[in-house]
């Protein structure tokens, strides 16, 4: 399944992010239980998984999406994440069956066309340059494969304000995108049939899920 791993393109921002999530991996699921459950469920509700046999979760964290998806989907999921500690938590949750790989979204260690579905939840706001990651997701999809990106939605002023506060407090890269910006990024990365749907978790969290396809399918 794997090509030889590409030349690492890690950077200082990724290093800070890796260290931060290494520190908070223990207890992460308990602290953010409601957010994780809702964001995973809302994302999967917007996917057509019926014909998806191989799926990739980019920024899989502790494996919550993979766990829920594999309950009712025939797809075989692979997870990739920067943080070894988050992957260790995912292995404890999921057991040995799913393949979990340490790696960067900007240099995915998989061959081109390997997947039918690529999904990412709550990772986009951490990518200092999202285009390389989105282009990598397009590359590893087969023609006609589907991508789904769920992240915070900057259409609402409260989300932009909170992101600015968190950026100063957490000292890691954070940027919240508006729905039109995410649609434009996916189009620039080579995707077609881009759709963005906005939704909320209570009053506090404004999110969006964008779906698109890699052109060339039958």
C-alpha atoms as a PDB file:
ATOM      1  CA  UNK A   1       0.000   0.000   0.000  1.00  0.00           C
ATOM      2  CA  UNK A   2       2.782   2.421   0.842  1.00  0.00           C
ATOM      3  CA  UNK A   3       5.190   4.138  -1.476  1.00  0.00           C
ATOM      4  CA  UNK A   4       8.579   4.865   0.067  1.00  0.00           C
ATOM      5  CA  UNK A   5       7.922   7.676   2.566  1.00  0.00           C
ATOM      6  CA  UNK A   6       8.323  11.106   0.987  1.00  0.00           C
ATOM      7  CA  UNK A   7      10.974  13.488   2.177  1.00  0.00           C
ATOM      8  CA  UNK A   8       9.777  14.892   5.514  1.00  0.00           C
ATOM      9  CA  UNK A   9       8.439  18.422   5.328  1.00  0.00           C
ATOM     10  CA  UNK A  10       8.084  19.017   9.020  1.00  0.00           C
ATOM     11  CA  UNK A  11       8.417  22.566  10.330  1.00  0.00           C
ATOM     12  CA  UNK A  12       8.458  24.461  13.590  1.00  0.00           C
ATOM     13  CA  UNK A  13       4.672  24.824  13.587  1.00  0.00           C
ATOM     14  CA  UNK A  14       4.236  21.069  13.252  1.00  0.00           C
ATOM     15  CA  UNK A  15       6.768  20.485  16.013  1.00  0.00           C
ATOM     16  CA  UNK A  16       4.900  22.764  18.400  1.00  0.00           C
ATOM     17  CA  UNK A  17       1.629  21.100  17.483  1.00  0.00           C
ATOM     18  CA  UNK A  18       3.079  17.618  17.989  1.00  0.00           C
ATOM     19  CA  UNK A  19       4.376  18.554  21.425  1.00  0.00           C
ATOM     20  CA  UNK A  20       1.111  20.179  22.473  1.00  0.00           C
ATOM     21  CA  UNK A  21      -1.023  17.192  21.559  1.00  0.00           C
ATOM     22  CA  UNK A  22       1.519  14.878  23.113  1.00  0.00           C
ATOM     23  CA  UNK A  23       0.958  16.688  26.409  1.00  0.00           C
ATOM     24  CA  UNK A  24      -2.854  16.604  26.273  1.00  0.00           C
ATOM     25  CA  UNK A  25      -3.406  13.146  24.729  1.00  0.00           C
ATOM     26  CA  UNK A  26      -4.177  11.612  28.123  1.00  0.00           C
ATOM     27  CA  UNK A  27      -7.574  12.952  29.113  1.00  0.00           C
ATOM     28  CA  UNK A  28      -8.290  14.490  25.699  1.00  0.00           C
ATOM     29  CA  UNK A  29     -11.403  12.382  25.082  1.00  0.00           C
ATOM     30  CA  UNK A  30     -12.833  13.130  28.509  1.00  0.00           C
ATOM     31  CA  UNK A  31     -12.272  16.861  28.254  1.00  0.00           C
ATOM     32  CA  UNK A  32     -13.818  17.266  24.813  1.00  0.00           C
ATOM     33  CA  UNK A  33     -16.313  14.372  24.890  1.00  0.00           C
ATOM     34  CA  UNK A  34     -19.382  16.309  23.723  1.00  0.00           C
ATOM     35  CA  UNK A  35     -17.523  18.156  20.985  1.00  0.00           C
ATOM     36  CA  UNK A  36     -15.868  14.988  19.679  1.00  0.00           C
ATOM     37  CA  UNK A  37     -19.079  12.956  19.685  1.00  0.00           C
ATOM     38  CA  UNK A  38     -21.072  15.659  17.907  1.00  0.00           C
ATOM     39  CA  UNK A  39     -18.412  16.604  15.338  1.00  0.00           C
ATOM     40  CA  UNK A  40     -17.773  12.972  14.408  1.00  0.00           C
ATOM     41  CA  UNK A  41     -21.488  12.172  14.108  1.00  0.00           C
ATOM     42  CA  UNK A  42     -22.264  15.288  12.053  1.00  0.00           C
ATOM     43  CA  UNK A  43     -19.351  14.575   9.715  1.00  0.00           C
ATOM     44  CA  UNK A  44     -20.314  10.953   9.103  1.00  0.00           C
ATOM     45  CA  UNK A  45     -23.944  11.939   8.527  1.00  0.00           C
ATOM     46  CA  UNK A  46     -22.759  13.983   5.554  1.00  0.00           C
ATOM     47  CA  UNK A  47     -20.791  11.174   3.901  1.00  0.00           C
ATOM     48  CA  UNK A  48     -21.824   8.602   1.355  1.00  0.00           C
ATOM     49  CA  UNK A  49     -19.901   5.583   2.613  1.00  0.00           C
ATOM     50  CA  UNK A  50     -21.796   2.860   0.765  1.00  0.00           C
ATOM     51  CA  UNK A  51     -19.228   2.446  -2.033  1.00  0.00           C
ATOM     52  CA  UNK A  52     -16.143   3.477  -0.053  1.00  0.00           C
ATOM     53  CA  UNK A  53     -13.893   0.502   0.623  1.00  0.00           C
ATOM     54  CA  UNK A  54     -10.676   2.205   1.711  1.00  0.00           C
ATOM     55  CA  UNK A  55     -10.809   5.350   3.800  1.00  0.00           C
ATOM     56  CA  UNK A  56      -8.203   7.668   5.313  1.00  0.00           C
ATOM     57  CA  UNK A  57      -8.654   9.804   8.442  1.00  0.00           C
ATOM     58  CA  UNK A  58      -6.135  12.668   8.343  1.00  0.00           C
ATOM     59  CA  UNK A  59      -5.418  13.977  11.829  1.00  0.00           C
ATOM     60  CA  UNK A  60      -7.173  10.974  13.325  1.00  0.00           C
ATOM     61  CA  UNK A  61      -6.284  11.876  16.904  1.00  0.00           C
ATOM     62  CA  UNK A  62      -7.562   9.294  19.373  1.00  0.00           C
ATOM     63  CA  UNK A  63      -9.519   7.406  16.713  1.00  0.00           C
ATOM     64  CA  UNK A  64     -13.059   8.507  17.573  1.00  0.00           C
ATOM     65  CA  UNK A  65     -14.175   8.890  13.963  1.00  0.00           C
ATOM     66  CA  UNK A  66     -12.671   5.559  12.906  1.00  0.00           C
ATOM     67  CA  UNK A  67     -14.363   3.793  15.814  1.00  0.00           C
ATOM     68  CA  UNK A  68     -17.791   5.171  14.962  1.00  0.00           C
ATOM     69  CA  UNK A  69     -17.432   4.827  11.197  1.00  0.00           C
ATOM     70  CA  UNK A  70     -16.447   1.178  11.275  1.00  0.00           C
ATOM     71  CA  UNK A  71     -19.507   0.186  13.288  1.00  0.00           C
ATOM     72  CA  UNK A  72     -21.761   0.499  10.237  1.00  0.00           C
ATOM     73  CA  UNK A  73     -19.461   0.993   7.252  1.00  0.00           C
ATOM     74  CA  UNK A  74     -17.711  -1.635   5.131  1.00  0.00           C
ATOM     75  CA  UNK A  75     -14.774   0.735   4.615  1.00  0.00           C
ATOM     76  CA  UNK A  76     -11.352  -0.200   5.927  1.00  0.00           C
ATOM     77  CA  UNK A  77      -9.986   2.878   7.664  1.00  0.00           C
ATOM     78  CA  UNK A  78      -6.390   4.031   7.996  1.00  0.00           C
ATOM     79  CA  UNK A  79      -5.493   6.829  10.412  1.00  0.00           C
ATOM     80  CA  UNK A  80      -2.594   9.278  10.223  1.00  0.00           C
ATOM     81  CA  UNK A  81      -1.599  11.810  12.878  1.00  0.00           C
ATOM     82  CA  UNK A  82       1.426  13.894  13.873  1.00  0.00           C
ATOM     83  CA  UNK A  83       1.337  12.900  17.534  1.00  0.00           C
ATOM     84  CA  UNK A  84       2.640   9.494  18.670  1.00  0.00           C
ATOM     85  CA  UNK A  85       0.797   9.978  21.963  1.00  0.00           C
ATOM     86  CA  UNK A  86      -2.541  10.541  20.207  1.00  0.00           C
ATOM     87  CA  UNK A  87      -1.896   7.469  18.065  1.00  0.00           C
ATOM     88  CA  UNK A  88      -1.173   5.451  21.210  1.00  0.00           C
ATOM     89  CA  UNK A  89      -4.568   6.521  22.574  1.00  0.00           C
ATOM     90  CA  UNK A  90      -6.147   5.514  19.248  1.00  0.00           C
ATOM     91  CA  UNK A  91      -4.524   2.076  19.421  1.00  0.00           C
ATOM     92  CA  UNK A  92      -5.844   1.608  22.946  1.00  0.00           C
ATOM     93  CA  UNK A  93      -9.341   2.499  21.713  1.00  0.00           C
ATOM     94  CA  UNK A  94      -9.339   0.621  18.413  1.00  0.00           C
ATOM     95  CA  UNK A  95      -7.115  -2.383  18.987  1.00  0.00           C
ATOM     96  CA  UNK A  96      -4.641  -3.714  16.415  1.00  0.00           C
ATOM     97  CA  UNK A  97      -6.900  -3.920  13.367  1.00  0.00           C
ATOM     98  CA  UNK A  98      -6.919  -0.373  11.917  1.00  0.00           C
ATOM     99  CA  UNK A  99      -3.629   0.808  10.451  1.00  0.00           C
ATOM    100  CA  UNK A 100      -2.385   3.893  12.302  1.00  0.00           C
ATOM    101  CA  UNK A 101       0.561   5.843  10.919  1.00  0.00           C
ATOM    102  CA  UNK A 102       2.591   8.757  12.261  1.00  0.00           C
ATOM    103  CA  UNK A 103       2.919  11.411   9.601  1.00  0.00           C
ATOM    104  CA  UNK A 104       2.193  14.895   8.328  1.00  0.00           C
ATOM    105  CA  UNK A 105      -0.923  15.844   6.386  1.00  0.00           C
ATOM    106  CA  UNK A 106       1.360  17.754   4.012  1.00  0.00           C
ATOM    107  CA  UNK A 107       3.348  14.617   3.101  1.00  0.00           C
ATOM    108  CA  UNK A 108       1.032  11.619   3.382  1.00  0.00           C
ATOM    109  CA  UNK A 109       2.979   8.326   3.320  1.00  0.00           C
ATOM    110  CA  UNK A 110       0.609   6.544   0.924  1.00  0.00           C
ATOM    111  CA  UNK A 111       0.622   5.833  -2.770  1.00  0.00           C
ATOM    112  CA  UNK A 112      -1.490   7.858  -5.161  1.00  0.00           C
ATOM    113  CA  UNK A 113      -5.055   6.664  -5.668  1.00  0.00           C
ATOM    114  CA  UNK A 114      -4.988   4.400  -2.613  1.00  0.00           C
ATOM    115  CA  UNK A 115      -8.285   5.524  -1.054  1.00  0.00           C
ATOM    116  CA  UNK A 116     -11.954   5.976  -1.896  1.00  0.00           C
ATOM    117  CA  UNK A 117     -12.551   8.458   0.925  1.00  0.00           C
ATOM    118  CA  UNK A 118     -10.387  10.954   2.807  1.00  0.00           C
ATOM    119  CA  UNK A 119     -11.790  12.731   5.845  1.00  0.00           C
ATOM    120  CA  UNK A 120     -10.394  15.206   8.352  1.00  0.00           C
ATOM    121  CA  UNK A 121     -12.097  16.684  11.407  1.00  0.00           C
ATOM    122  CA  UNK A 122     -10.897  19.640  13.472  1.00  0.00           C
ATOM    123  CA  UNK A 123      -7.429  19.723  11.937  1.00  0.00           C
ATOM    124  CA  UNK A 124      -7.666  22.402   9.226  1.00  0.00           C
ATOM    125  CA  UNK A 125      -7.330  25.288  11.686  1.00  0.00           C
ATOM    126  CA  UNK A 126      -3.900  23.952  12.702  1.00  0.00           C
ATOM    127  CA  UNK A 127      -2.429  23.743   9.178  1.00  0.00           C
ATOM    128  CA  UNK A 128      -0.244  26.780   8.603  1.00  0.00           C
ATOM    129  CA  UNK A 129      -0.647  26.245   4.847  1.00  0.00           C
ATOM    130  CA  UNK A 130      -3.674  24.045   4.067  1.00  0.00           C
ATOM    131  CA  UNK A 131      -3.064  23.708   0.331  1.00  0.00           C
ATOM    132  CA  UNK A 132      -0.266  21.102   0.535  1.00  0.00           C
ATOM    133  CA  UNK A 133      -2.425  18.954   2.828  1.00  0.00           C
ATOM    134  CA  UNK A 134      -5.503  19.273   0.614  1.00  0.00           C
ATOM    135  CA  UNK A 135      -3.442  18.481  -2.481  1.00  0.00           C
ATOM    136  CA  UNK A 136      -2.033  15.423  -0.720  1.00  0.00           C
ATOM    137  CA  UNK A 137      -5.561  14.265   0.091  1.00  0.00           C
ATOM    138  CA  UNK A 138      -6.501  14.743  -3.560  1.00  0.00           C
ATOM    139  CA  UNK A 139      -3.438  12.767  -4.621  1.00  0.00           C
ATOM    140  CA  UNK A 140      -4.160   9.724  -2.458  1.00  0.00           C
ATOM    141  CA  UNK A 141      -7.779   9.516  -3.625  1.00  0.00           C
ATOM    142  CA  UNK A 142      -8.784   7.477  -6.647  1.00  0.00           C
ATOM    143  CA  UNK A 143     -10.654   9.357  -9.412  1.00  0.00           C
ATOM    144  CA  UNK A 144     -14.177   9.873  -8.134  1.00  0.00           C
ATOM    145  CA  UNK A 145     -13.023   9.538  -4.519  1.00  0.00           C
ATOM    146  CA  UNK A 146     -14.594  11.802  -1.912  1.00  0.00           C
ATOM    147  CA  UNK A 147     -13.028  14.203   0.558  1.00  0.00           C
ATOM    148  CA  UNK A 148     -14.750  15.610   3.644  1.00  0.00           C
ATOM    149  CA  UNK A 149     -13.316  18.374   5.818  1.00  0.00           C
ATOM    150  CA  UNK A 150     -14.984  19.412   9.069  1.00  0.00           C
ATOM    151  CA  UNK A 151     -13.632  22.397  10.952  1.00  0.00           C
ATOM    152  CA  UNK A 152     -14.513  25.528  12.858  1.00  0.00           C
ATOM    153  CA  UNK A 153     -16.454  28.014  10.724  1.00  0.00           C
ATOM    154  CA  UNK A 154     -15.293  31.612  10.655  1.00  0.00           C
ATOM    155  CA  UNK A 155     -18.542  32.919   9.180  1.00  0.00           C
ATOM    156  CA  UNK A 156     -19.604  33.717  12.744  1.00  0.00           C
ATOM    157  CA  UNK A 157     -17.754  36.505  14.577  1.00  0.00           C
ATOM    158  CA  UNK A 158     -17.682  34.529  17.825  1.00  0.00           C
ATOM    159  CA  UNK A 159     -15.617  31.789  16.215  1.00  0.00           C
ATOM    160  CA  UNK A 160     -13.118  34.310  14.868  1.00  0.00           C
ATOM    161  CA  UNK A 161     -12.860  35.969  18.289  1.00  0.00           C
ATOM    162  CA  UNK A 162     -12.314  32.692  20.115  1.00  0.00           C
ATOM    163  CA  UNK A 163      -9.666  31.596  17.632  1.00  0.00           C
ATOM    164  CA  UNK A 164      -7.755  34.831  18.188  1.00  0.00           C
ATOM    165  CA  UNK A 165      -7.835  34.336  21.955  1.00  0.00           C
ATOM    166  CA  UNK A 166      -6.754  30.692  21.688  1.00  0.00           C
ATOM    167  CA  UNK A 167      -3.908  31.630  19.338  1.00  0.00           C
ATOM    168  CA  UNK A 168      -2.378  33.891  21.956  1.00  0.00           C
ATOM    169  CA  UNK A 169      -2.955  31.427  24.800  1.00  0.00           C
ATOM    170  CA  UNK A 170      -1.878  28.142  23.210  1.00  0.00           C
ATOM    171  CA  UNK A 171       1.110  29.421  21.186  1.00  0.00           C
ATOM    172  CA  UNK A 172       0.365  27.148  18.219  1.00  0.00           C
ATOM    173  CA  UNK A 173      -0.782  28.070  14.745  1.00  0.00           C
ATOM    174  CA  UNK A 174      -4.538  28.630  14.588  1.00  0.00           C
ATOM    175  CA  UNK A 175      -6.582  30.060  11.762  1.00  0.00           C
ATOM    176  CA  UNK A 176     -10.313  29.801  11.276  1.00  0.00           C
ATOM    177  CA  UNK A 177     -11.638  29.885   7.703  1.00  0.00           C
ATOM    178  CA  UNK A 178     -14.933  31.133   6.367  1.00  0.00           C
ATOM    179  CA  UNK A 179     -17.043  28.677   4.393  1.00  0.00           C
ATOM    180  CA  UNK A 180     -16.321  30.431   1.095  1.00  0.00           C
ATOM    181  CA  UNK A 181     -12.580  30.311   1.803  1.00  0.00           C
ATOM    182  CA  UNK A 182     -12.687  26.562   2.436  1.00  0.00           C
ATOM    183  CA  UNK A 183     -14.626  26.004  -0.792  1.00  0.00           C
ATOM    184  CA  UNK A 184     -12.026  28.037  -2.707  1.00  0.00           C
ATOM    185  CA  UNK A 185      -9.140  26.087  -1.129  1.00  0.00           C
ATOM    186  CA  UNK A 186     -10.658  22.761  -2.154  1.00  0.00           C
ATOM    187  CA  UNK A 187     -11.188  24.002  -5.703  1.00  0.00           C
ATOM    188  CA  UNK A 188      -7.595  25.257  -5.851  1.00  0.00           C
ATOM    189  CA  UNK A 189      -6.379  21.865  -4.618  1.00  0.00           C
ATOM    190  CA  UNK A 190      -8.030  20.236  -7.626  1.00  0.00           C
ATOM    191  CA  UNK A 191     -11.358  19.050  -6.249  1.00  0.00           C
ATOM    192  CA  UNK A 192     -14.722  19.351  -7.981  1.00  0.00           C
ATOM    193  CA  UNK A 193     -18.366  19.345  -6.855  1.00  0.00           C
ATOM    194  CA  UNK A 194     -17.474  21.305  -3.731  1.00  0.00           C
ATOM    195  CA  UNK A 195     -20.253  21.758  -1.184  1.00  0.00           C
ATOM    196  CA  UNK A 196     -20.036  23.379   2.246  1.00  0.00           C
ATOM    197  CA  UNK A 197     -22.681  23.002   4.943  1.00  0.00           C
ATOM    198  CA  UNK A 198     -22.626  25.041   8.152  1.00  0.00           C
ATOM    199  CA  UNK A 199     -23.898  23.726  11.467  1.00  0.00           C
ATOM    200  CA  UNK A 200     -23.477  24.199  15.227  1.00  0.00           C
ATOM    201  CA  UNK A 201     -22.874  22.339  18.442  1.00  0.00           C
ATOM    202  CA  UNK A 202     -25.093  24.285  20.830  1.00  0.00           C
ATOM    203  CA  UNK A 203     -24.417  28.009  21.004  1.00  0.00           C
ATOM    204  CA  UNK A 204     -20.681  27.706  21.503  1.00  0.00           C
ATOM    205  CA  UNK A 205     -19.282  25.974  18.430  1.00  0.00           C
ATOM    206  CA  UNK A 206     -19.878  27.003  14.816  1.00  0.00           C
ATOM    207  CA  UNK A 207     -18.633  24.371  12.388  1.00  0.00           C
ATOM    208  CA  UNK A 208     -18.792  23.455   8.718  1.00  0.00           C
ATOM    209  CA  UNK A 209     -18.360  20.319   6.688  1.00  0.00           C
ATOM    210  CA  UNK A 210     -17.097  20.584   3.125  1.00  0.00           C
ATOM    211  CA  UNK A 211     -17.372  17.677   0.714  1.00  0.00           C
ATOM    212  CA  UNK A 212     -15.874  17.346  -2.765  1.00  0.00           C
ATOM    213  CA  UNK A 213     -14.676  14.727  -5.226  1.00  0.00           C
ATOM    214  CA  UNK A 214     -11.491  14.067  -7.105  1.00  0.00           C
ATOM    215  CA  UNK A 215     -12.343  14.535 -10.798  1.00  0.00           C
ATOM    216  CA  UNK A 216     -12.131  11.684 -13.255  1.00  0.00           C
ATOM    217  CA  UNK A 217     -14.502   9.100 -11.855  1.00  0.00           C
ATOM    218  CA  UNK A 218     -16.962   7.219 -14.014  1.00  0.00           C
END
